[in-house]
């Protein structure tokens, strides 16, 4: 009798799983952002709140591990973008995270910047990973 119940349970679970396949939190007014083709824009996304001067701004941080580096069309370093919470698709701005790194001692190409993003909380730091980044001492 146990063997007769098992196929029914498996079939019931299979039907239930097929009905619960996926969803969008807001189907009437979704927020859609667009990046450069081939950049893997949206590979990672983090919601972050910036607190400054008695005001706060909520924004999306979006990773694009194959994006080109600012004005260098052949240097695919990856980029992280700051996107306001809005209904505009093309309002994301690149964030320059390389201002503190000496350019002579690193390889920017192929570092996959933005593979992982994590906010430490409102008004705090953000973790941005580039797992293929190489840095060496002279």
C-alpha atoms as a PDB file:
ATOM      1  CA  UNK A   1       0.000   0.000   0.000  1.00  0.00           C
ATOM      2  CA  UNK A   2       2.948   2.327   0.624  1.00  0.00           C
ATOM      3  CA  UNK A   3       4.106   1.843  -2.970  1.00  0.00           C
ATOM      4  CA  UNK A   4       0.703   2.913  -4.293  1.00  0.00           C
ATOM      5  CA  UNK A   5       0.819   6.191  -2.345  1.00  0.00           C
ATOM      6  CA  UNK A   6       4.363   7.209  -3.440  1.00  0.00           C
ATOM      7  CA  UNK A   7       3.566   7.803  -7.138  1.00  0.00           C
ATOM      8  CA  UNK A   8       0.604   9.971  -6.154  1.00  0.00           C
ATOM      9  CA  UNK A   9       2.740  12.040  -3.787  1.00  0.00           C
ATOM     10  CA  UNK A  10       5.451  12.486  -6.425  1.00  0.00           C
ATOM     11  CA  UNK A  11       2.863  13.502  -9.028  1.00  0.00           C
ATOM     12  CA  UNK A  12       1.244  15.963  -6.618  1.00  0.00           C
ATOM     13  CA  UNK A  13       4.589  17.549  -5.736  1.00  0.00           C
ATOM     14  CA  UNK A  14       5.495  17.765  -9.437  1.00  0.00           C
ATOM     15  CA  UNK A  15       2.256  19.586 -10.236  1.00  0.00           C
ATOM     16  CA  UNK A  16       2.741  21.939  -7.309  1.00  0.00           C
ATOM     17  CA  UNK A  17       6.300  22.793  -8.378  1.00  0.00           C
ATOM     18  CA  UNK A  18       5.173  23.506 -11.947  1.00  0.00           C
ATOM     19  CA  UNK A  19       2.617  26.031 -10.668  1.00  0.00           C
ATOM     20  CA  UNK A  20       5.186  27.793  -8.446  1.00  0.00           C
ATOM     21  CA  UNK A  21       7.953  28.371 -10.983  1.00  0.00           C
ATOM     22  CA  UNK A  22       8.823  32.046 -10.514  1.00  0.00           C
ATOM     23  CA  UNK A  23       7.440  35.528 -10.046  1.00  0.00           C
ATOM     24  CA  UNK A  24       8.208  39.223 -10.215  1.00  0.00           C
ATOM     25  CA  UNK A  25       7.427  41.287  -7.133  1.00  0.00           C
ATOM     26  CA  UNK A  26       5.747  44.035  -9.141  1.00  0.00           C
ATOM     27  CA  UNK A  27       4.199  42.928 -12.416  1.00  0.00           C
ATOM     28  CA  UNK A  28       2.331  46.186 -13.101  1.00  0.00           C
ATOM     29  CA  UNK A  29       5.254  48.621 -12.892  1.00  0.00           C
ATOM     30  CA  UNK A  30       8.569  46.718 -12.912  1.00  0.00           C
ATOM     31  CA  UNK A  31      11.835  48.625 -12.734  1.00  0.00           C
ATOM     32  CA  UNK A  32      13.908  47.712 -15.788  1.00  0.00           C
ATOM     33  CA  UNK A  33      17.440  49.010 -16.382  1.00  0.00           C
ATOM     34  CA  UNK A  34      19.476  48.587 -19.544  1.00  0.00           C
ATOM     35  CA  UNK A  35      23.236  48.222 -20.055  1.00  0.00           C
ATOM     36  CA  UNK A  36      25.571  47.739 -22.987  1.00  0.00           C
ATOM     37  CA  UNK A  37      25.086  44.550 -25.037  1.00  0.00           C
ATOM     38  CA  UNK A  38      27.634  41.891 -24.125  1.00  0.00           C
ATOM     39  CA  UNK A  39      28.533  43.540 -20.806  1.00  0.00           C
ATOM     40  CA  UNK A  40      26.543  41.039 -18.702  1.00  0.00           C
ATOM     41  CA  UNK A  41      24.777  44.055 -17.162  1.00  0.00           C
ATOM     42  CA  UNK A  42      22.686  42.808 -14.243  1.00  0.00           C
ATOM     43  CA  UNK A  43      24.945  39.846 -13.428  1.00  0.00           C
ATOM     44  CA  UNK A  44      24.692  41.006  -9.822  1.00  0.00           C
ATOM     45  CA  UNK A  45      22.389  43.552  -8.183  1.00  0.00           C
ATOM     46  CA  UNK A  46      22.390  45.060  -4.691  1.00  0.00           C
ATOM     47  CA  UNK A  47      19.992  47.552  -3.149  1.00  0.00           C
ATOM     48  CA  UNK A  48      21.914  50.205  -1.185  1.00  0.00           C
ATOM     49  CA  UNK A  49      20.987  53.322   0.774  1.00  0.00           C
ATOM     50  CA  UNK A  50      23.366  56.278   0.867  1.00  0.00           C
ATOM     51  CA  UNK A  51      22.993  58.557   3.901  1.00  0.00           C
ATOM     52  CA  UNK A  52      24.542  62.012   3.558  1.00  0.00           C
ATOM     53  CA  UNK A  53      23.755  65.528   4.786  1.00  0.00           C
ATOM     54  CA  UNK A  54      20.561  64.609   6.666  1.00  0.00           C
ATOM     55  CA  UNK A  55      19.052  62.900   3.622  1.00  0.00           C
ATOM     56  CA  UNK A  56      19.062  59.403   2.244  1.00  0.00           C
ATOM     57  CA  UNK A  57      18.931  58.023  -1.279  1.00  0.00           C
ATOM     58  CA  UNK A  58      18.124  54.450  -2.222  1.00  0.00           C
ATOM     59  CA  UNK A  59      19.755  53.096  -5.341  1.00  0.00           C
ATOM     60  CA  UNK A  60      20.578  49.902  -7.172  1.00  0.00           C
ATOM     61  CA  UNK A  61      24.180  48.843  -7.638  1.00  0.00           C
ATOM     62  CA  UNK A  62      24.450  46.760 -10.805  1.00  0.00           C
ATOM     63  CA  UNK A  63      27.428  44.651 -11.829  1.00  0.00           C
ATOM     64  CA  UNK A  64      28.469  44.236 -15.461  1.00  0.00           C
ATOM     65  CA  UNK A  65      31.564  41.964 -15.419  1.00  0.00           C
ATOM     66  CA  UNK A  66      32.257  42.274 -19.162  1.00  0.00           C
ATOM     67  CA  UNK A  67      31.701  46.031 -19.542  1.00  0.00           C
ATOM     68  CA  UNK A  68      34.376  48.159 -21.162  1.00  0.00           C
ATOM     69  CA  UNK A  69      36.429  50.562 -19.061  1.00  0.00           C
ATOM     70  CA  UNK A  70      35.034  54.110 -19.558  1.00  0.00           C
ATOM     71  CA  UNK A  71      36.595  55.387 -22.827  1.00  0.00           C
ATOM     72  CA  UNK A  72      38.623  52.237 -23.589  1.00  0.00           C
ATOM     73  CA  UNK A  73      36.435  50.249 -26.027  1.00  0.00           C
ATOM     74  CA  UNK A  74      38.734  47.200 -26.123  1.00  0.00           C
ATOM     75  CA  UNK A  75      39.488  46.966 -22.391  1.00  0.00           C
ATOM     76  CA  UNK A  76      36.807  44.705 -20.862  1.00  0.00           C
ATOM     77  CA  UNK A  77      37.403  45.180 -17.156  1.00  0.00           C
ATOM     78  CA  UNK A  78      33.895  45.026 -15.807  1.00  0.00           C
ATOM     79  CA  UNK A  79      32.082  47.937 -14.216  1.00  0.00           C
ATOM     80  CA  UNK A  80      29.685  48.680 -11.382  1.00  0.00           C
ATOM     81  CA  UNK A  81      26.819  51.065 -12.068  1.00  0.00           C
ATOM     82  CA  UNK A  82      24.745  53.220  -9.743  1.00  0.00           C
ATOM     83  CA  UNK A  83      21.102  53.252 -10.817  1.00  0.00           C
ATOM     84  CA  UNK A  84      18.388  55.383  -9.218  1.00  0.00           C
ATOM     85  CA  UNK A  85      15.114  53.731  -8.333  1.00  0.00           C
ATOM     86  CA  UNK A  86      13.141  55.110 -11.268  1.00  0.00           C
ATOM     87  CA  UNK A  87      11.179  53.978 -14.292  1.00  0.00           C
ATOM     88  CA  UNK A  88      13.821  55.298 -16.724  1.00  0.00           C
ATOM     89  CA  UNK A  89      15.780  52.487 -18.402  1.00  0.00           C
ATOM     90  CA  UNK A  90      18.982  54.356 -19.294  1.00  0.00           C
ATOM     91  CA  UNK A  91      19.807  56.391 -16.170  1.00  0.00           C
ATOM     92  CA  UNK A  92      22.579  54.240 -14.676  1.00  0.00           C
ATOM     93  CA  UNK A  93      26.012  55.836 -14.193  1.00  0.00           C
ATOM     94  CA  UNK A  94      29.344  53.971 -13.929  1.00  0.00           C
ATOM     95  CA  UNK A  95      31.173  54.154 -10.606  1.00  0.00           C
ATOM     96  CA  UNK A  96      34.942  54.737 -10.728  1.00  0.00           C
ATOM     97  CA  UNK A  97      36.366  52.308  -8.171  1.00  0.00           C
ATOM     98  CA  UNK A  98      39.944  52.543  -9.490  1.00  0.00           C
ATOM     99  CA  UNK A  99      40.881  56.000  -8.205  1.00  0.00           C
ATOM    100  CA  UNK A 100      43.040  54.633  -5.330  1.00  0.00           C
ATOM    101  CA  UNK A 101      44.911  51.873  -7.189  1.00  0.00           C
ATOM    102  CA  UNK A 102      48.271  52.665  -8.841  1.00  0.00           C
ATOM    103  CA  UNK A 103      47.704  51.901 -12.534  1.00  0.00           C
ATOM    104  CA  UNK A 104      51.284  50.722 -13.149  1.00  0.00           C
ATOM    105  CA  UNK A 105      50.984  47.725 -10.841  1.00  0.00           C
ATOM    106  CA  UNK A 106      47.767  46.088 -11.894  1.00  0.00           C
ATOM    107  CA  UNK A 107      46.063  44.359 -14.741  1.00  0.00           C
ATOM    108  CA  UNK A 108      42.577  45.729 -15.324  1.00  0.00           C
ATOM    109  CA  UNK A 109      41.743  43.576 -18.339  1.00  0.00           C
ATOM    110  CA  UNK A 110      39.521  40.604 -17.677  1.00  0.00           C
ATOM    111  CA  UNK A 111      39.148  41.147 -13.938  1.00  0.00           C
ATOM    112  CA  UNK A 112      35.351  40.696 -13.968  1.00  0.00           C
ATOM    113  CA  UNK A 113      34.608  43.626 -11.676  1.00  0.00           C
ATOM    114  CA  UNK A 114      31.051  43.473 -10.353  1.00  0.00           C
ATOM    115  CA  UNK A 115      30.571  39.707 -10.244  1.00  0.00           C
ATOM    116  CA  UNK A 116      29.501  40.032  -6.605  1.00  0.00           C
ATOM    117  CA  UNK A 117      28.015  43.085  -4.875  1.00  0.00           C
ATOM    118  CA  UNK A 118      26.915  43.327  -1.245  1.00  0.00           C
ATOM    119  CA  UNK A 119      25.758  46.335   0.766  1.00  0.00           C
ATOM    120  CA  UNK A 120      26.882  46.449   4.411  1.00  0.00           C
ATOM    121  CA  UNK A 121      23.708  48.334   5.296  1.00  0.00           C
ATOM    122  CA  UNK A 122      22.265  51.839   5.141  1.00  0.00           C
ATOM    123  CA  UNK A 123      25.011  54.453   4.965  1.00  0.00           C
ATOM    124  CA  UNK A 124      27.802  51.872   5.149  1.00  0.00           C
ATOM    125  CA  UNK A 125      30.338  50.410   2.729  1.00  0.00           C
ATOM    126  CA  UNK A 126      29.702  48.200  -0.287  1.00  0.00           C
ATOM    127  CA  UNK A 127      31.663  45.058  -1.114  1.00  0.00           C
ATOM    128  CA  UNK A 128      32.556  44.826  -4.819  1.00  0.00           C
ATOM    129  CA  UNK A 129      34.400  41.747  -6.054  1.00  0.00           C
ATOM    130  CA  UNK A 130      36.661  41.303  -9.064  1.00  0.00           C
ATOM    131  CA  UNK A 131      37.721  37.648  -8.794  1.00  0.00           C
ATOM    132  CA  UNK A 132      40.157  37.739 -11.716  1.00  0.00           C
ATOM    133  CA  UNK A 133      41.970  40.929 -10.649  1.00  0.00           C
ATOM    134  CA  UNK A 134      45.780  40.672 -10.583  1.00  0.00           C
ATOM    135  CA  UNK A 135      48.084  42.965  -8.644  1.00  0.00           C
ATOM    136  CA  UNK A 136      51.808  42.659  -8.220  1.00  0.00           C
ATOM    137  CA  UNK A 137      54.592  44.502  -6.447  1.00  0.00           C
ATOM    138  CA  UNK A 138      57.409  46.018  -8.527  1.00  0.00           C
END
